[in-house]
Protein backbone atom coordinates (compact mmCIF):
# COMPACT_ATOMS: atom_id res chain seq x y z
CA UNK A 1 -80.25 -80.46 33.36
CA UNK A 2 -79.58 -80.51 37.14
CA UNK A 3 -79.44 -77.03 38.69
CA UNK A 4 -76.99 -76.98 41.61
CA UNK A 5 -76.76 -74.10 44.13
CA UNK A 6 -73.36 -74.20 45.90
CA UNK A 7 -72.07 -71.95 48.69
CA UNK A 8 -68.39 -72.43 49.54
CA UNK A 9 -66.04 -69.74 50.93
CA UNK A 10 -62.70 -71.34 50.04
CA UNK A 11 -61.36 -70.92 46.49
CA UNK A 12 -59.29 -74.04 46.37
CA UNK A 13 -62.39 -76.25 47.01
CA UNK A 14 -64.32 -74.31 44.32
CA UNK A 15 -61.38 -74.88 41.87
CA UNK A 16 -61.27 -78.54 42.79
CA UNK A 17 -64.95 -79.44 42.53
CA UNK A 18 -66.45 -77.00 39.99
CA UNK A 19 -65.54 -79.00 36.87
CA UNK A 20 -66.54 -82.24 38.60
CA UNK A 21 -69.99 -80.92 39.40
CA UNK A 22 -70.54 -79.34 36.05
CA UNK A 23 -69.57 -82.49 34.13
CA UNK A 24 -71.00 -85.18 36.44
CA UNK A 25 -73.70 -87.37 34.87
CA UNK A 26 -76.59 -86.64 37.15
CA UNK A 27 -79.54 -86.85 34.78
CA UNK A 28 -78.01 -87.45 31.32
CA UNK A 29 -77.57 -83.74 30.53
CA UNK A 30 -75.03 -81.01 31.38
CA UNK A 31 -75.48 -79.45 34.80
CA UNK A 32 -75.92 -75.73 35.71
CA UNK A 33 -73.75 -74.76 38.70
CA UNK A 34 -74.36 -71.49 40.56
CA UNK A 35 -71.57 -70.76 43.06
CA UNK A 36 -71.35 -68.17 45.89
CA UNK A 37 -68.41 -67.56 48.20
CA UNK A 38 -70.27 -65.48 50.76
CA UNK A 39 -73.45 -66.56 52.67
CA UNK A 40 -74.86 -63.06 52.62
CA UNK A 41 -74.54 -62.90 48.74
CA UNK A 42 -76.17 -66.29 48.51
CA UNK A 43 -79.08 -65.15 50.66
CA UNK A 44 -79.52 -61.97 48.70
CA UNK A 45 -79.71 -64.05 45.47
CA UNK A 46 -82.22 -66.52 47.07
CA UNK A 47 -84.51 -63.54 47.98
CA UNK A 48 -84.63 -62.53 44.34
CA UNK A 49 -85.01 -66.06 42.83
CA UNK A 50 -88.39 -67.15 41.38
CA UNK A 51 -89.55 -70.69 40.86
CA UNK A 52 -88.07 -70.50 37.37
CA UNK A 53 -84.62 -70.25 38.99
CA UNK A 54 -85.33 -72.87 41.64
CA UNK A 55 -82.32 -75.21 42.09
CA UNK A 56 -82.68 -79.00 42.14
CA UNK A 57 -80.28 -79.31 45.04
CA UNK A 58 -78.27 -77.04 47.33
CA UNK A 59 -74.66 -77.90 48.33
CA UNK A 60 -73.49 -75.90 51.36
CA UNK A 61 -70.33 -75.52 53.45
CA UNK A 62 -71.31 -75.41 57.13
CA UNK A 63 -68.53 -73.29 58.64
CA UNK A 64 -67.83 -70.20 56.51
CA UNK A 65 -66.07 -66.87 57.13
CA UNK A 66 -65.49 -67.78 60.76
CA UNK A 67 -69.09 -68.63 61.55
CA UNK A 68 -70.40 -72.11 62.48
CA UNK A 69 -73.95 -70.94 61.61
CA UNK A 70 -73.25 -69.58 58.09
CA UNK A 71 -74.28 -72.60 56.15
CA UNK A 72 -77.38 -73.11 58.35
CA UNK A 73 -78.55 -69.56 57.65
CA UNK A 74 -78.37 -70.17 53.93
CA UNK A 75 -80.26 -73.47 54.45
CA UNK A 76 -83.05 -71.63 56.30
CA UNK A 77 -83.37 -69.09 53.49
CA UNK A 78 -83.61 -71.83 50.82
CA UNK A 79 -86.14 -73.93 52.83
CA UNK A 80 -88.27 -70.93 53.61
CA UNK A 81 -88.78 -70.56 49.82
CA UNK A 82 -88.66 -74.23 48.82
CA UNK A 83 -89.37 -76.58 51.84
CA UNK A 84 -88.70 -79.79 49.92
CA UNK A 85 -85.35 -78.74 48.46
CA UNK A 86 -82.64 -81.34 49.05
CA UNK A 87 -79.83 -79.77 51.23
CA UNK A 88 -76.39 -81.45 51.33
CA UNK A 89 -73.42 -80.24 53.31
CA UNK A 90 -69.84 -80.55 52.02
CA UNK A 91 -67.62 -79.79 54.95
CA UNK A 92 -64.34 -80.18 56.73
CA UNK A 93 -66.12 -80.52 60.06
CA UNK A 94 -67.44 -84.03 59.94
CA UNK A 95 -67.71 -85.80 63.27
CA UNK A 96 -68.12 -82.57 65.15
CA UNK A 97 -71.01 -80.62 66.76
CA UNK A 98 -71.52 -78.87 63.43
CA UNK A 99 -72.40 -82.16 61.79
CA UNK A 100 -74.59 -83.13 64.72
CA UNK A 101 -76.54 -79.89 64.44
CA UNK A 102 -76.86 -80.22 60.66
CA UNK A 103 -78.32 -83.70 60.96
CA UNK A 104 -80.50 -83.30 64.09
CA UNK A 105 -81.61 -79.61 63.84
CA UNK A 106 -81.70 -78.73 60.24
CA UNK A 107 -83.01 -80.36 57.12
CA UNK A 108 -79.74 -81.78 55.83
CA UNK A 109 -80.19 -84.88 53.75
CA UNK A 110 -76.48 -85.65 53.89
CA UNK A 111 -73.19 -84.38 55.44
CA UNK A 112 -70.19 -85.17 53.26
CA UNK A 113 -66.62 -85.01 54.57
CA UNK A 114 -64.28 -83.22 52.19
CA UNK A 115 -61.23 -85.01 53.42
CA UNK A 116 -61.89 -88.56 52.37
CA UNK A 117 -60.68 -91.07 49.84
CA UNK A 118 -62.14 -90.68 46.36
CA UNK A 119 -64.13 -87.58 47.42
CA UNK A 120 -65.05 -86.49 43.82
CA UNK A 121 -66.79 -89.77 43.16
CA UNK A 122 -68.41 -89.90 46.59
CA UNK A 123 -69.78 -86.38 46.10
CA UNK A 124 -71.35 -87.27 42.79
CA UNK A 125 -72.86 -90.48 44.22
CA UNK A 126 -74.48 -88.62 47.10
CA UNK A 127 -75.87 -85.89 44.89
CA UNK A 128 -77.29 -88.38 42.40
CA UNK A 129 -78.93 -90.34 45.25
CA UNK A 130 -80.53 -87.14 46.68
CA UNK A 131 -81.86 -86.17 43.22
CA UNK A 132 -83.22 -89.66 42.68
CA UNK A 133 -85.03 -89.54 46.11
CA UNK A 134 -86.50 -86.14 45.27
CA UNK A 135 -87.75 -87.37 41.90
CA UNK A 136 -89.35 -90.45 43.49
CA UNK A 137 -91.16 -88.24 46.02
CA UNK A 138 -92.48 -86.03 43.27
CA UNK A 139 -94.13 -89.01 41.51
CA UNK A 140 -96.67 -89.44 44.33
CA UNK A 141 -99.64 -87.22 45.12
CA UNK A 142 -97.77 -83.99 45.95
CA UNK A 143 -100.89 -82.40 47.37
CA UNK A 144 -101.21 -84.88 50.24
CA UNK A 145 -98.72 -85.38 53.05
CA UNK A 146 -99.02 -88.80 54.66
CA UNK A 147 -97.30 -90.06 57.80
CA UNK A 148 -98.73 -93.14 59.42
CA UNK A 149 -102.35 -92.46 60.34
CA UNK A 150 -102.07 -88.77 59.44
CA UNK A 151 -103.03 -87.16 56.10
CA UNK A 152 -102.69 -83.46 55.41
CA UNK A 153 -103.94 -81.99 52.09
CA UNK A 154 -101.75 -79.03 51.25
CA UNK A 155 -104.30 -77.66 48.76
CA UNK A 156 -107.35 -77.63 51.06
CA UNK A 157 -105.46 -77.64 54.40
CA UNK A 158 -107.78 -80.40 55.64
CA UNK A 159 -106.09 -82.71 58.24
CA UNK A 160 -107.30 -86.24 58.88
CA UNK A 161 -106.19 -88.53 61.72
CA UNK A 162 -107.24 -92.17 61.31
CA UNK A 163 -109.79 -90.96 58.73
CA UNK A 164 -111.30 -88.36 61.11
CA UNK A 165 -111.00 -84.65 60.17
CA UNK A 166 -109.29 -82.51 62.77
CA UNK A 167 -111.49 -79.66 64.01
CA UNK A 168 -111.20 -76.81 66.49
CA UNK A 169 -111.04 -78.60 69.88
CA UNK A 170 -112.84 -75.70 71.49
CA UNK A 171 -115.65 -75.63 68.92
CA UNK A 172 -116.06 -78.92 66.97
CA UNK A 173 -118.23 -77.19 64.40
CA UNK A 174 -115.36 -74.95 63.31
CA UNK A 175 -112.21 -76.06 61.41
CA UNK A 176 -108.82 -76.14 63.07
CA UNK A 177 -107.19 -72.65 63.04
CA UNK A 178 -104.70 -71.96 60.22
CA UNK A 179 -101.52 -71.44 62.37
CA UNK A 180 -101.70 -74.87 64.10
CA UNK A 181 -102.22 -76.48 60.73
CA UNK A 182 -99.26 -74.70 59.28
CA UNK A 183 -97.07 -75.79 62.23
CA UNK A 184 -98.23 -79.35 61.86
CA UNK A 185 -97.37 -79.31 58.16
CA UNK A 186 -93.89 -77.93 58.86
CA UNK A 187 -93.31 -80.61 61.58
CA UNK A 188 -94.42 -83.39 59.27
CA UNK A 189 -92.34 -82.08 56.33
CA UNK A 190 -89.24 -81.88 58.46
CA UNK A 191 -89.79 -85.13 60.38
CA UNK A 192 -87.87 -86.55 62.16
CA UNK A 193 -85.87 -83.39 62.74
CA UNK A 194 -87.10 -81.03 65.43
CA UNK A 195 -88.11 -77.40 64.75
CA UNK A 196 -87.26 -74.80 67.38
CA UNK A 197 -89.31 -71.70 68.22
CA UNK A 198 -86.95 -69.58 66.06
CA UNK A 199 -87.29 -71.96 63.08
CA UNK A 200 -91.12 -72.02 63.31
CA UNK A 201 -91.27 -68.25 63.64
CA UNK A 202 -89.06 -67.94 60.50
CA UNK A 203 -91.31 -70.42 58.57
CA UNK A 204 -94.42 -68.57 59.70
CA UNK A 205 -92.79 -65.27 58.84
CA UNK A 206 -93.64 -64.16 62.34
CA UNK A 207 -91.87 -61.53 64.44
CA UNK A 208 -89.58 -63.50 66.76
CA UNK A 209 -89.98 -60.86 69.47
CA UNK A 210 -93.72 -61.56 69.53
CA UNK A 211 -93.65 -65.28 68.65
CA UNK A 212 -92.33 -66.84 71.81
CA UNK A 213 -92.01 -70.44 72.96
CA UNK A 214 -95.25 -69.86 74.88
CA UNK A 215 -96.98 -69.18 71.60
CA UNK A 216 -95.47 -72.27 70.04
CA UNK A 217 -96.36 -74.41 73.05
CA UNK A 218 -100.00 -73.17 72.97
CA UNK A 219 -100.30 -74.15 69.31
CA UNK A 220 -98.90 -77.57 70.06
CA UNK A 221 -101.34 -77.90 72.91
CA UNK A 222 -104.20 -77.06 70.45
CA UNK A 223 -102.97 -79.60 68.02
CA UNK A 224 -102.65 -82.34 70.59
CA UNK A 225 -106.23 -81.50 71.86
CA UNK A 226 -107.57 -81.66 68.24
CA UNK A 227 -106.00 -85.12 67.72
CA UNK A 228 -107.44 -86.24 71.02
CA UNK A 229 -110.92 -84.96 70.01
CA UNK A 230 -110.67 -86.95 66.75
CA UNK A 231 -110.35 -90.04 69.01
CA UNK A 232 -113.44 -89.05 71.09
CA UNK A 233 -111.31 -87.67 73.97
CA UNK A 234 -109.81 -91.11 74.69
CA UNK A 235 -106.43 -89.61 75.67
CA UNK A 236 -104.71 -92.11 73.29
CA UNK A 237 -102.91 -89.50 71.32
CA UNK A 238 -101.42 -87.80 74.41
CA UNK A 239 -100.27 -91.27 75.52
CA UNK A 240 -98.77 -91.70 72.09
CA UNK A 241 -96.86 -88.41 72.52
CA UNK A 242 -95.49 -89.58 75.85
CA UNK A 243 -94.25 -92.71 74.16
CA UNK A 244 -92.17 -90.65 71.68
CA UNK A 245 -94.63 -90.65 68.72
CA UNK A 246 -96.97 -88.05 67.26
CA UNK A 247 -96.00 -84.51 68.37
CA UNK A 248 -92.95 -84.97 70.56
CA UNK A 249 -91.14 -82.53 72.77
CA UNK A 250 -87.46 -82.29 71.83
CA UNK A 251 -85.06 -82.00 74.79
CA UNK A 252 -84.90 -78.66 76.51
CA UNK A 253 -84.33 -76.46 73.58
CA UNK A 254 -87.91 -75.27 73.07
CA UNK A 255 -88.53 -77.52 70.02
CA UNK A 256 -90.93 -80.21 68.83
CA UNK A 257 -90.86 -82.85 66.18
CA UNK A 258 -93.30 -85.23 64.49
CA UNK A 259 -92.87 -88.99 64.54
CA UNK A 260 -95.23 -91.33 62.70
CA UNK A 261 -97.31 -93.62 64.82
CA UNK A 262 -96.39 -96.54 62.48
């Protein structure tokens, strides 16, 4: 049974797609559809949900109740609890800055235009593809994140670069501090999408008034130094970053992203 979490503020779209989503053959069994018309109600529900209620996929409208950020705020709440949850947008704003932001700055796996031919079938195809991808990812070793020459064990929090364990660059006998490792994990999990200071603070559950871009930048500097130390201070990793791989600065919006070296 596929559990779908849908947030849509317009009743006529809910009426049009509800039966389609409930009856679609996504995994051979009937689907469970949970629908919310208001982003705040959806976020209140998310705060109370346990892993037993975890959805398999979230379908979000982007622009709701007059706000271009409404869908993104729901997405952040979902991903804070379940970082690998597939997020799809079903929107009337395809081809706009809203779609650009959804694809480049959030963790949307897809952005589906409501006004298109055969939309009901298209919607089911896209959902089925996202669920299939998630299932395939779950078949691997879920305790190890791999990206090119990087391996990060999410159980032990050990990080290896080209087979060498990352250590504290200021004291090679001590492990890398927890916060840089957490930030690295978030960057790898969200790759190739960038994470801003606000997004990182949210994921770290840090006070945004205290966690500034300067804090974020310092942790990135520590990470880059740790990678460089793993290569005997050759400077190769910093060169890699300058070439647009590894830990990369994103534009001028106080964000970074991870890009594999392979």
